[in-house]
Protein backbone atom coordinates (compact mmCIF):
# COMPACT_ATOMS: atom_id res chain seq x y z
CA MET A 1 -63.46 -48.94 57.85
CA ALA A 2 -64.01 -45.26 58.57
CA VAL A 3 -63.10 -44.00 62.04
CA THR A 4 -65.80 -42.01 63.78
CA ARG A 5 -64.35 -39.12 65.75
CA PRO A 6 -66.19 -37.58 68.70
CA ARG A 7 -67.76 -34.20 68.00
CA LEU A 8 -66.07 -31.37 69.89
CA LEU A 9 -68.30 -29.05 71.87
CA SER A 10 -68.00 -25.39 71.02
CA ILE A 11 -66.82 -23.11 73.79
CA GLU A 12 -70.26 -21.56 73.99
CA HIS A 13 -71.78 -24.90 75.05
CA ALA A 14 -69.02 -25.87 77.52
CA GLU A 15 -69.70 -25.56 81.25
CA PRO A 16 -67.26 -23.92 83.66
CA LEU A 17 -65.35 -26.09 86.13
CA ARG A 18 -67.25 -26.33 89.41
CA ALA A 19 -64.99 -28.54 91.47
CA SER A 20 -62.36 -27.00 93.76
CA VAL A 21 -58.81 -27.12 92.42
CA ARG A 22 -56.66 -29.06 94.85
CA VAL A 23 -52.88 -29.15 94.91
CA GLY A 24 -51.55 -32.26 96.62
CA LYS A 25 -48.55 -32.64 98.91
CA ASP A 26 -46.44 -34.27 96.19
CA ILE A 27 -45.95 -30.93 94.47
CA LEU A 28 -43.53 -30.12 97.31
CA GLY A 29 -41.62 -33.28 96.54
CA LEU A 30 -41.31 -32.30 92.90
CA LEU A 31 -40.15 -28.78 93.73
CA SER A 32 -37.67 -29.85 96.42
CA THR A 33 -36.10 -33.01 94.99
CA ALA A 34 -36.96 -33.46 91.31
CA MET A 35 -36.11 -29.94 90.15
CA TYR A 36 -32.37 -30.02 90.77
CA ALA A 37 -30.22 -33.08 90.13
CA GLU A 38 -26.99 -31.10 90.71
CA PRO A 39 -26.79 -30.10 94.42
CA LEU A 40 -24.78 -26.96 93.62
CA SER A 41 -27.73 -25.67 91.58
CA ILE A 42 -29.28 -24.82 94.95
CA VAL A 43 -26.42 -22.47 95.74
CA ARG A 44 -26.85 -20.87 92.32
CA GLU A 45 -30.55 -20.23 93.01
CA TYR A 46 -29.80 -18.53 96.33
CA VAL A 47 -26.97 -16.47 94.83
CA GLN A 48 -29.28 -15.47 91.96
CA ASN A 49 -31.93 -14.26 94.41
CA ALA A 50 -29.24 -12.43 96.39
CA ALA A 51 -28.04 -10.64 93.25
CA ASP A 52 -31.60 -9.52 92.48
CA SER A 53 -31.96 -8.21 96.04
CA ILE A 54 -28.67 -6.30 95.72
CA ASP A 55 -29.94 -4.67 92.51
CA LEU A 56 -33.03 -3.49 94.40
CA ALA A 57 -30.81 -2.09 97.15
CA TYR A 58 -28.91 -0.05 94.55
CA ASP A 59 -32.14 1.18 93.01
CA ALA A 60 -33.45 2.19 96.44
CA GLY A 61 -30.24 4.07 97.27
CA LEU A 62 -29.39 1.70 100.13
CA LEU A 63 -26.05 0.94 98.46
CA ALA A 64 -23.90 3.71 97.01
CA SER A 65 -23.04 3.34 93.34
CA ARG A 66 -19.40 2.55 94.15
CA THR A 67 -20.16 0.24 97.08
CA PRO A 68 -20.08 -3.40 95.98
CA GLY A 69 -22.95 -5.66 96.82
CA ARG A 70 -21.83 -8.48 99.09
CA ILE A 71 -22.77 -12.16 99.02
CA ASP A 72 -21.18 -14.58 101.48
CA VAL A 73 -21.42 -18.35 101.10
CA VAL A 74 -20.27 -20.31 104.14
CA ALA A 75 -20.08 -24.10 104.00
CA ASP A 76 -19.31 -25.99 107.23
CA ALA A 77 -18.96 -29.74 106.63
CA GLN A 78 -18.42 -30.45 110.32
CA ALA A 79 -21.57 -28.62 111.44
CA ARG A 80 -23.41 -29.76 108.26
CA THR A 81 -24.61 -26.21 107.51
CA LEU A 82 -24.66 -24.03 104.42
CA VAL A 83 -25.36 -20.28 104.67
CA VAL A 84 -25.89 -17.76 101.84
CA ARG A 85 -26.15 -14.15 103.02
CA ASP A 86 -26.42 -10.85 101.12
CA ASN A 87 -26.60 -7.13 101.88
CA GLY A 88 -29.52 -6.62 99.53
CA VAL A 89 -32.75 -4.82 100.26
CA GLY A 90 -34.27 -7.66 102.30
CA ILE A 91 -38.01 -8.40 102.57
CA SER A 92 -40.37 -6.23 104.57
CA ARG A 93 -42.13 -7.77 107.56
CA ASP A 94 -45.60 -7.48 106.03
CA ARG A 95 -44.52 -9.32 102.86
CA VAL A 96 -42.31 -12.07 104.26
CA GLU A 97 -44.97 -14.77 104.39
CA ASP A 98 -46.43 -13.82 101.01
CA VAL A 99 -42.98 -14.07 99.42
CA LEU A 100 -41.39 -17.01 101.24
CA VAL A 101 -44.44 -19.25 101.58
CA ALA A 102 -45.76 -18.79 98.05
CA PHE A 103 -45.49 -21.11 95.05
CA GLY A 104 -45.00 -19.75 91.56
CA LEU A 105 -46.17 -16.27 92.51
CA SER A 106 -42.96 -14.32 92.03
CA ALA A 107 -43.34 -10.55 91.74
CA LYS A 108 -40.21 -10.59 89.55
CA ARG A 109 -42.00 -11.85 86.43
CA GLY A 110 -41.97 -9.18 83.75
CA THR A 111 -39.05 -7.34 85.36
CA SER A 112 -35.33 -7.42 84.60
CA ALA A 113 -34.74 -9.70 87.61
CA ARG A 114 -32.91 -12.96 87.04
CA GLY A 115 -35.36 -15.22 88.83
CA PHE A 116 -39.08 -15.02 88.18
CA ARG A 117 -40.80 -18.36 88.84
CA GLY A 118 -40.89 -18.22 92.64
CA VAL A 119 -39.72 -21.81 93.21
CA GLY A 120 -35.91 -21.65 93.35
CA ARG A 121 -35.76 -20.95 97.09
CA LEU A 122 -37.60 -24.24 97.71
CA GLY A 123 -34.81 -26.32 96.19
CA GLY A 124 -32.99 -26.50 99.51
CA LEU A 125 -35.89 -28.43 101.08
CA GLY A 126 -34.68 -31.64 99.46
CA PHE A 127 -31.08 -31.29 100.63
CA ALA A 128 -31.33 -30.50 104.35
CA GLN A 129 -33.19 -31.30 107.54
CA GLN A 130 -34.13 -27.67 108.07
CA VAL A 131 -34.16 -24.51 105.94
CA LYS A 132 -34.26 -21.15 107.67
CA PHE A 133 -34.80 -17.80 105.96
CA ARG A 134 -33.82 -14.68 107.92
CA THR A 135 -34.24 -11.09 106.76
CA ARG A 136 -34.46 -7.47 107.80
CA PHE A 137 -35.85 -4.75 105.62
CA ALA A 138 -34.32 -1.27 105.75
CA GLY A 139 -35.91 0.83 108.48
CA GLU A 140 -37.34 -2.11 110.43
CA SER A 141 -36.20 -2.97 113.94
CA HIS A 142 -36.83 -6.73 113.98
CA VAL A 143 -35.44 -9.67 112.07
CA THR A 144 -38.04 -12.03 110.62
CA GLU A 145 -37.39 -15.79 110.40
CA VAL A 146 -39.28 -18.33 108.33
CA LEU A 147 -38.40 -21.93 109.25
CA TRP A 148 -39.16 -24.98 107.09
CA ASP A 149 -38.99 -28.39 108.85
CA CYS A 150 -37.71 -30.64 106.09
CA ARG A 151 -37.69 -33.82 108.21
CA ALA A 152 -41.39 -33.41 108.91
CA LEU A 153 -41.95 -32.72 105.21
CA ARG A 154 -40.23 -35.97 104.18
CA ALA A 155 -42.23 -37.96 106.72
CA ILE A 156 -45.47 -36.56 105.28
CA LEU A 157 -44.38 -37.23 101.68
CA LEU A 158 -43.48 -40.85 102.51
CA ASP A 159 -46.77 -41.54 104.30
CA ALA A 160 -49.05 -43.18 101.73
CA GLN A 161 -52.04 -42.69 104.02
CA GLU A 162 -51.43 -38.95 104.38
CA GLY A 163 -53.91 -37.11 102.17
CA SER A 164 -53.28 -33.50 103.14
CA ASP A 165 -53.20 -30.94 100.39
CA LEU A 166 -50.39 -28.46 99.83
CA GLN A 167 -51.82 -25.75 102.09
CA ASP A 168 -52.29 -28.11 105.04
CA VAL A 169 -48.78 -29.53 104.68
CA VAL A 170 -47.16 -26.09 104.53
CA ARG A 171 -48.99 -24.94 107.65
CA ARG A 172 -47.68 -27.99 109.54
CA ILE A 173 -44.02 -27.63 108.53
CA VAL A 174 -43.50 -23.84 108.39
CA SER A 175 -43.19 -21.48 111.35
CA VAL A 176 -42.55 -17.73 111.53
CA ARG A 177 -41.02 -15.65 114.29
CA ARG A 178 -39.61 -12.17 114.78
CA THR A 179 -36.59 -11.35 116.92
CA PHE A 180 -34.79 -8.21 117.94
CA GLU A 181 -31.11 -8.48 117.05
CA GLN A 182 -29.15 -5.36 117.81
CA GLN A 183 -26.06 -6.59 115.96
CA ALA A 184 -27.91 -7.51 112.77
CA ALA A 185 -27.27 -5.48 109.63
CA ASP A 186 -29.72 -2.74 108.68
CA HIS A 187 -30.88 -4.70 105.67
CA PHE A 188 -30.01 -8.27 104.62
CA PHE A 189 -31.33 -11.64 103.57
CA GLU A 190 -29.96 -15.01 104.65
CA VAL A 191 -30.81 -18.63 104.00
CA GLU A 192 -29.36 -21.37 106.19
CA LEU A 193 -29.54 -25.07 105.39
CA SER A 194 -28.99 -27.24 108.49
CA GLY A 195 -28.38 -30.97 108.51
CA VAL A 196 -27.24 -30.94 104.90
CA VAL A 197 -27.36 -34.42 103.38
CA ARG A 198 -24.31 -36.04 101.78
CA LEU A 199 -24.73 -36.24 98.02
CA ARG A 200 -22.27 -36.68 95.13
CA GLY A 201 -19.11 -36.48 97.19
CA ASP A 202 -20.67 -33.97 99.61
CA ARG A 203 -20.29 -31.25 96.96
CA LEU A 204 -22.83 -29.02 98.64
CA LEU A 205 -20.43 -28.50 101.57
CA ASP A 206 -17.16 -28.58 99.62
CA PRO A 207 -15.79 -24.98 99.53
CA ASP A 208 -13.53 -25.75 96.55
CA ALA A 209 -16.39 -27.22 94.51
CA ILE A 210 -18.66 -24.28 95.43
CA HIS A 211 -15.90 -21.80 94.52
CA SER A 212 -15.27 -23.41 91.12
CA TYR A 213 -18.98 -23.65 90.33
CA LEU A 214 -19.91 -20.10 91.33
CA ALA A 215 -16.88 -18.63 89.54
CA GLN A 216 -18.43 -19.99 86.35
CA VAL A 217 -22.15 -19.28 86.85
CA ALA A 218 -22.42 -16.24 89.16
CA PRO A 219 -22.34 -12.53 88.17
CA VAL A 220 -18.74 -11.98 89.19
CA PRO A 221 -16.12 -9.94 87.25
CA LEU A 222 -13.52 -11.28 84.85
CA SER A 223 -10.06 -11.87 86.25
CA PRO A 224 -7.45 -9.12 85.80
CA ASP A 225 -5.13 -11.98 84.76
CA LEU A 226 -7.09 -12.27 81.51
CA ARG A 227 -5.44 -10.12 78.85
CA PHE A 228 -8.78 -9.30 77.18
CA ALA A 229 -10.80 -8.60 80.37
CA ASP A 230 -10.95 -4.83 79.77
CA GLY A 231 -11.95 -5.27 76.13
CA ILE A 232 -14.78 -7.64 77.05
CA GLY A 233 -15.92 -5.37 79.87
CA THR A 234 -15.96 -2.29 77.64
CA PHE A 235 -17.99 -4.12 75.00
CA LEU A 236 -20.56 -5.57 77.42
CA ARG A 237 -21.03 -2.43 79.50
CA GLU A 238 -23.52 -1.05 76.98
CA PHE A 239 -25.76 -4.11 77.23
CA VAL A 240 -25.26 -5.83 80.60
CA SER A 241 -25.34 -4.45 84.16
CA THR A 242 -21.80 -3.88 85.46
CA ARG A 243 -22.70 -3.43 89.13
CA ARG A 244 -19.96 -4.98 91.22
CA ILE A 245 -20.83 -7.95 93.44
CA ASP A 246 -18.27 -9.28 95.89
CA LEU A 247 -19.03 -12.98 96.19
CA ARG A 248 -16.95 -14.86 98.75
CA VAL A 249 -16.82 -18.51 99.78
CA ASN A 250 -15.77 -19.20 103.37
CA GLY A 251 -14.13 -15.80 103.65
CA SER A 252 -12.13 -16.06 100.42
CA ASP A 253 -11.11 -13.12 98.28
CA PRO A 254 -13.94 -11.98 95.98
CA LEU A 255 -14.54 -14.55 93.27
CA VAL A 256 -13.55 -13.80 89.69
CA ARG A 257 -14.29 -15.71 86.51
CA PRO A 258 -11.94 -18.64 85.75
CA HIS A 259 -10.56 -17.28 82.45
CA ARG A 260 -6.83 -16.52 82.35
CA THR A 261 -4.63 -15.53 79.39
CA GLY A 262 -2.82 -18.87 79.52
CA PHE A 263 -4.74 -22.11 80.02
CA PRO A 264 -4.25 -25.90 79.95
CA VAL A 265 -5.43 -27.88 76.94
CA SER A 266 -4.68 -31.45 77.97
CA GLY A 267 -1.94 -33.06 80.00
CA SER A 268 1.12 -30.81 79.84
CA LYS A 269 -0.09 -29.03 76.69
CA ARG A 270 -0.87 -25.33 77.25
CA ASP A 271 -2.05 -22.46 75.06
CA ARG A 272 -2.79 -18.72 75.25
CA PHE A 273 -5.68 -16.56 74.10
CA SER A 274 -4.51 -14.44 71.18
CA GLU A 275 -7.58 -12.64 69.80
CA LEU A 276 -10.92 -11.28 71.03
CA GLN A 277 -13.96 -11.43 68.75
CA VAL A 278 -17.19 -9.69 69.78
CA LEU A 279 -20.57 -10.38 68.18
CA LYS A 280 -24.09 -8.92 68.11
CA PHE A 281 -27.18 -10.72 66.86
CA ASN A 282 -30.51 -9.18 65.92
CA GLY A 283 -33.74 -10.87 66.90
CA ILE A 284 -36.90 -11.57 64.95
CA ASP A 285 -38.22 -8.07 65.60
CA GLY A 286 -34.95 -6.42 64.57
CA GLY A 287 -33.75 -5.54 68.08
CA LEU A 288 -30.71 -7.12 69.70
CA THR A 289 -31.34 -10.69 70.81
CA ALA A 290 -27.86 -11.48 72.14
CA VAL A 291 -24.31 -10.16 72.37
CA GLY A 292 -21.23 -12.18 73.03
CA TRP A 293 -17.53 -12.76 72.74
CA ILE A 294 -15.14 -15.51 71.71
CA LEU A 295 -11.49 -15.78 72.72
CA HIS A 296 -9.49 -17.33 69.90
CA HIS A 297 -6.33 -19.33 70.49
CA SER A 298 -4.24 -21.92 68.65
CA TYR A 299 -7.01 -24.56 68.66
CA LEU A 300 -4.62 -27.33 69.68
CA GLY A 301 -7.49 -29.64 70.56
CA ALA A 302 -10.38 -30.08 72.97
CA LEU A 303 -9.83 -28.30 76.29
CA LYS A 304 -9.92 -31.52 78.32
CA ALA A 305 -7.84 -29.96 81.11
CA GLY A 306 -9.77 -26.66 81.14
CA PRO A 307 -13.43 -27.55 81.84
CA ASP A 308 -14.07 -24.32 83.76
CA VAL A 309 -13.83 -22.21 80.59
CA ARG A 310 -14.45 -24.48 77.60
CA GLY A 311 -17.53 -24.32 75.42
CA LEU A 312 -19.85 -21.58 74.17
CA ARG A 313 -21.95 -20.59 77.19
CA ALA A 314 -25.19 -18.71 77.76
CA ARG A 315 -25.89 -16.02 80.35
CA VAL A 316 -29.09 -14.20 81.29
CA GLY A 317 -28.76 -11.29 83.70
CA ASP A 318 -25.08 -12.24 83.84
CA MET A 319 -26.02 -15.60 85.40
CA GLN A 320 -25.02 -18.70 83.46
CA VAL A 321 -27.80 -20.87 82.08
CA GLY A 322 -26.95 -24.55 81.67
CA ASP A 323 -23.35 -25.63 81.32
CA GLU A 324 -20.65 -25.77 78.66
CA THR A 325 -22.72 -28.14 76.49
CA ILE A 326 -25.76 -25.88 76.10
CA PHE A 327 -24.84 -24.91 72.51
CA ASP A 328 -23.42 -28.26 71.33
CA ALA A 329 -26.12 -28.47 68.66
CA VAL A 330 -24.95 -25.34 66.80
CA PHE A 331 -21.69 -27.04 65.72
CA PRO A 332 -21.43 -29.33 62.69
CA GLU A 333 -19.81 -31.78 65.13
CA PRO A 334 -20.63 -31.26 68.84
CA ARG A 335 -17.05 -32.14 69.82
CA PHE A 336 -15.84 -28.80 68.44
CA ASN A 337 -17.72 -26.95 71.19
CA SER A 338 -15.09 -28.23 73.64
CA TRP A 339 -12.38 -26.48 71.57
CA VAL A 340 -13.93 -23.00 71.87
CA VAL A 341 -14.13 -20.43 74.70
CA GLY A 342 -16.89 -17.83 74.61
CA GLU A 343 -20.15 -16.52 76.04
CA PHE A 344 -23.40 -15.05 74.80
CA HIS A 345 -25.55 -12.77 76.94
CA ILE A 346 -29.22 -13.20 76.09
CA LEU A 347 -31.04 -9.85 75.87
CA ASP A 348 -34.36 -10.86 74.28
CA PRO A 349 -37.01 -11.46 77.01
CA ALA A 350 -38.68 -13.92 74.66
CA ILE A 351 -35.75 -16.30 75.17
CA ILE A 352 -36.68 -17.79 78.53
CA PRO A 353 -34.62 -20.11 80.76
CA ASN A 354 -36.50 -23.23 81.76
CA GLY A 355 -37.40 -23.97 85.37
CA ARG A 356 -34.11 -25.72 86.15
CA ARG A 357 -32.06 -23.11 84.25
CA ASP A 358 -30.25 -25.92 82.45
CA GLY A 359 -31.64 -24.84 79.08
CA PHE A 360 -34.21 -22.60 77.38
CA GLU A 361 -37.86 -22.96 76.60
CA ALA A 362 -38.59 -23.84 72.98
CA THR A 363 -39.66 -20.53 71.42
CA ALA A 364 -39.33 -18.96 67.99
CA ALA A 365 -36.91 -16.39 69.44
CA HIS A 366 -34.70 -19.17 70.78
CA SER A 367 -34.70 -20.99 67.43
CA HIS A 368 -33.78 -17.71 65.71
CA LEU A 369 -30.79 -17.31 68.05
CA LEU A 370 -29.65 -20.88 67.36
CA ASN A 371 -29.67 -20.11 63.63
CA HIS A 372 -27.31 -17.18 64.28
CA LEU A 373 -25.07 -19.31 66.47
CA ALA A 374 -24.94 -22.05 63.84
CA GLN A 375 -22.93 -19.64 61.67
CA VAL A 376 -20.51 -19.15 64.56
CA GLY A 377 -20.33 -22.92 65.05
CA ARG A 378 -19.46 -23.50 61.40
CA GLU A 379 -16.71 -20.87 61.49
CA VAL A 380 -15.20 -22.32 64.67
CA ALA A 381 -15.38 -25.82 63.22
CA ARG A 382 -13.54 -24.56 60.13
CA LYS A 383 -10.79 -23.13 62.35
CA CYS A 384 -10.58 -26.39 64.29
CA ARG A 385 -10.27 -28.49 61.16
CA SER A 386 -7.79 -26.07 59.57
CA THR A 387 -5.50 -25.98 62.59
CA SER A 388 -5.79 -29.75 62.93
CA LEU A 389 -4.57 -30.15 59.34
CA GLU A 390 -1.78 -27.62 59.95
CA ARG A 391 -0.64 -29.57 63.02
CA SER A 392 -0.69 -32.77 60.99
CA ARG A 393 1.50 -31.19 58.29
CA LEU A 394 3.82 -29.70 60.88
CA ARG A 395 4.19 -33.15 62.42
CA ARG A 396 5.08 -34.56 58.97
CA PHE A 397 7.68 -31.78 58.63
CA GLU A 398 9.16 -32.71 62.01
CA LEU A 399 9.21 -36.42 61.14
CA GLY A 400 11.04 -35.58 57.90
CA GLU A 401 13.50 -33.51 59.89
CA GLU A 402 14.17 -36.50 62.16
CA VAL A 403 14.91 -38.63 59.06
CA VAL A 404 17.33 -36.02 57.67
CA MET A 405 19.04 -35.70 61.05
CA SER A 406 19.49 -39.48 61.38
CA LEU A 407 20.87 -39.91 57.85
CA ALA A 408 23.23 -36.95 58.16
CA ARG A 409 24.56 -38.39 61.43
CA ARG A 410 25.20 -41.78 59.81
CA ILE A 411 27.10 -40.14 56.95
CA ARG A 412 29.10 -37.81 59.20
CA THR A 413 30.18 -40.62 61.56
CA ARG A 414 31.02 -42.83 58.53
CA ARG A 415 28.64 -45.57 59.66
CA VAL A 416 27.86 -45.86 55.93
CA THR A 417 30.35 -45.33 53.12
CA GLY A 418 30.57 -45.67 49.35
CA ARG A 419 27.36 -46.47 47.57
CA ARG A 420 25.43 -46.83 50.84
CA ALA A 421 26.46 -43.31 51.82
CA GLN A 422 25.36 -42.01 48.41
CA ALA A 423 21.97 -43.75 48.85
CA ALA A 424 21.57 -42.26 52.34
CA LEU A 425 22.38 -38.81 50.98
CA ALA A 426 19.78 -39.19 48.21
CA GLU A 427 17.15 -40.28 50.76
CA ALA A 428 17.94 -37.28 52.99
CA ARG A 429 17.66 -34.89 50.04
CA GLU A 430 14.28 -36.39 49.11
CA ALA A 431 13.02 -35.98 52.68
CA LEU A 432 14.28 -32.38 52.72
CA ALA A 433 12.44 -31.63 49.47
CA THR A 434 9.20 -32.99 50.98
CA MET A 435 9.72 -30.79 54.05
CA GLU A 436 10.22 -27.70 51.89
CA ALA A 437 7.02 -28.41 49.94
CA LEU A 438 5.02 -28.72 53.20
CA ILE A 439 6.06 -25.34 54.59
CA PRO A 440 3.37 -23.11 53.02
CA ARG A 441 0.61 -25.38 54.41
CA CYS A 442 2.03 -25.82 57.92
CA SER A 443 0.80 -22.51 59.34
CA THR A 444 -0.72 -19.14 58.56
CA LYS A 445 1.70 -17.39 60.92
CA LYS A 446 4.69 -15.71 59.28
CA ALA A 447 6.97 -16.32 62.27
CA VAL A 448 6.29 -20.06 62.12
CA LEU A 449 6.89 -20.22 58.35
CA ASP A 450 10.13 -18.21 58.65
CA ASP A 451 11.40 -20.63 61.30
CA LEU A 452 10.60 -23.66 59.13
CA ARG A 453 12.41 -22.13 56.14
CA ARG A 454 15.45 -21.38 58.34
CA ARG A 455 15.55 -25.00 59.46
CA VAL A 456 15.40 -26.24 55.85
CA ARG A 457 18.30 -23.95 54.86
CA ALA A 458 20.35 -25.24 57.79
CA TRP A 459 19.81 -28.83 56.74
CA GLN A 460 20.64 -28.00 53.12
CA SER A 461 24.00 -26.75 54.35
CA VAL A 462 24.51 -29.92 56.39
CA LEU A 463 23.68 -32.13 53.41
CA GLY A 464 26.03 -30.11 51.21
CA LYS A 465 28.87 -30.95 53.58
CA SER A 466 27.71 -34.55 53.69
CA ALA A 467 27.80 -34.68 49.88
CA LEU A 468 31.41 -33.57 49.98
CA ALA A 469 32.16 -36.26 52.55
CA THR A 470 30.68 -39.02 50.37
CA ALA A 471 32.11 -37.94 46.98
CA SER A 472 34.55 -40.33 45.24
CA PRO A 473 38.09 -39.14 44.28
CA PRO A 474 37.21 -38.88 40.52
CA ASP A 475 34.20 -36.71 41.40
CA LEU A 476 36.33 -34.56 43.65
CA MET A 477 39.01 -34.21 40.95
CA GLU A 478 36.34 -32.84 38.59
CA ALA A 479 35.55 -30.15 41.13
CA LEU A 480 39.12 -28.78 41.10
CA PRO A 481 40.30 -25.90 38.80
CA ALA A 482 40.86 -27.26 35.27
CA GLY A 483 44.20 -25.47 34.89
CA ARG A 484 45.73 -27.20 37.91
CA ARG A 485 44.05 -30.57 37.54
CA ALA A 486 47.03 -32.19 35.63
CA ALA A 487 49.44 -31.28 38.45
CA TYR A 488 47.09 -32.77 41.07
CA GLU A 489 46.79 -35.97 39.02
CA GLU A 490 50.60 -36.35 38.91
CA PHE A 491 50.70 -35.82 42.66
CA MET A 492 48.07 -38.50 43.20
CA LYS A 493 50.04 -41.00 41.08
CA ALA A 494 53.05 -40.37 43.30
CA LEU A 495 50.91 -40.80 46.41
CA TYR A 496 49.60 -44.18 45.29
CA ALA A 497 53.11 -45.28 44.27
CA CYS A 498 54.54 -44.43 47.68
CA SER A 499 51.70 -45.75 49.89
CA SER A 500 52.01 -49.11 51.63
CA THR A 501 48.45 -50.17 50.68
CA LYS A 502 45.84 -49.03 48.21
CA ARG A 503 43.28 -48.49 51.02
CA ASN A 504 45.60 -46.06 52.79
CA ALA A 505 46.20 -44.27 49.49
CA ASP A 506 42.42 -44.01 48.83
CA LEU A 507 41.75 -42.53 52.26
CA LEU A 508 44.59 -40.01 52.11
CA ALA A 509 43.80 -39.01 48.50
CA ALA A 510 40.15 -38.41 49.39
CA ARG A 511 41.08 -36.28 52.40
CA ILE A 512 43.50 -34.17 50.34
CA LEU A 513 40.99 -33.66 47.52
CA ARG A 514 38.19 -32.67 49.91
CA TRP A 515 40.53 -30.15 51.53
CA LEU A 516 41.36 -28.71 48.11
CA VAL A 517 37.65 -28.52 47.13
CA ARG A 518 36.84 -26.72 50.38
CA GLN A 519 39.66 -24.27 49.78
CA LYS A 520 38.33 -23.59 46.30
CA SER A 521 34.80 -23.04 47.67
CA ALA A 522 36.15 -20.65 50.33
CA ARG A 523 37.97 -18.57 47.71
CA THR A 524 34.87 -18.31 45.52
């Protein structure tokens, strides 16, 4: 039976919408609670806005080129407050309400600013009883405060009978005042969350958790303890802003990125970065779409003990987007992403972070970048597999060495004699031959291969001495000089004739013959 489809009206015959567009109160619930599952994402949003404000202060000449921008994060678990303050340009008095009580109307869209959707500052509404914004613009005498009453907001959102729209709700929960504060800085912006709720181990007020998180995601410099910090900085300087921002948590020293030359892999296993690789990728239009770096190491396994640095990461405006899993899909096996350490700075404005900044919008430019990164993922996976095989072969070498050591000890201490000693010696020689054959495939590093060959030569010497220790008297007699062999045979007959037992004669004859063979070897 044929399906009859409704006929679509052409645009010429459609009528314009006549009803008023209403935005209900629940949009505030979505923006304040549903946007950010990770509480620390709120701190990231405020730090991101602070960094944008500091950039504007530089552009306006309010900060000298060599004066670092300053962002202070202060978490007080006892007072239940969180404060993020910057020395950026601030917001002028005549624009405060338009900026801080607007939804999705950011003036940053289309600029080089990090944030552009105009909703990030609202994230704190779902995590506190009150959110206060305070600011002073350069040249103004008063400080302007915008206060959001989050308790009143939650009461309205929970009231099923409350039918107010967004504008009515905002007017009821937001207040504005201006104060004269002689001690206030000439220009600044500050957000204070009061009555912070306890979530996920109270992470939002844990200075250590905030420090670790911001060291990864914020635009802070690389640590001087990273051997390749200067090389990375020199490479990125052409593409990414290098303006210094001093970001401090509870009065700490300025934060630096968590990368160090040495790092933990898992348990007591440690490794070191040994090589810097830098990369550039062109976009669909031929211009640069991203630049990045990878720090190579020994690839001993997944960095289970180093979560602050593992994984290929993405940054836009030097702010991290997502976490260490954001590029899992570019690897043949996602697990290999946890073996690698690297970052890519996105330069193409067509690659857009999503609203939560935990990923990117699905665009052709983003797909094009993923195709580039897939090549990187395959190469890293190859390194991971190769080093895994090398470690497996090296372990087989070491197991063989343990066998040779055990057998040589049994022969040397005469725990086995006669035919059993000869069998043990043959087994040790076979294990040593297997070890020697493994050497070329155990590593690509000359120093490692030279060490393995030295160890094989040492064991060959040990087994040579063991062979001498296990040789029978007839075999030893054959090793003596032919011209003197008849005299030694006569001496041995006399030895056997004069010994009290044949066993004593065997032992003494063997010791004498081994001494003679060693003397012969020393002379030659």
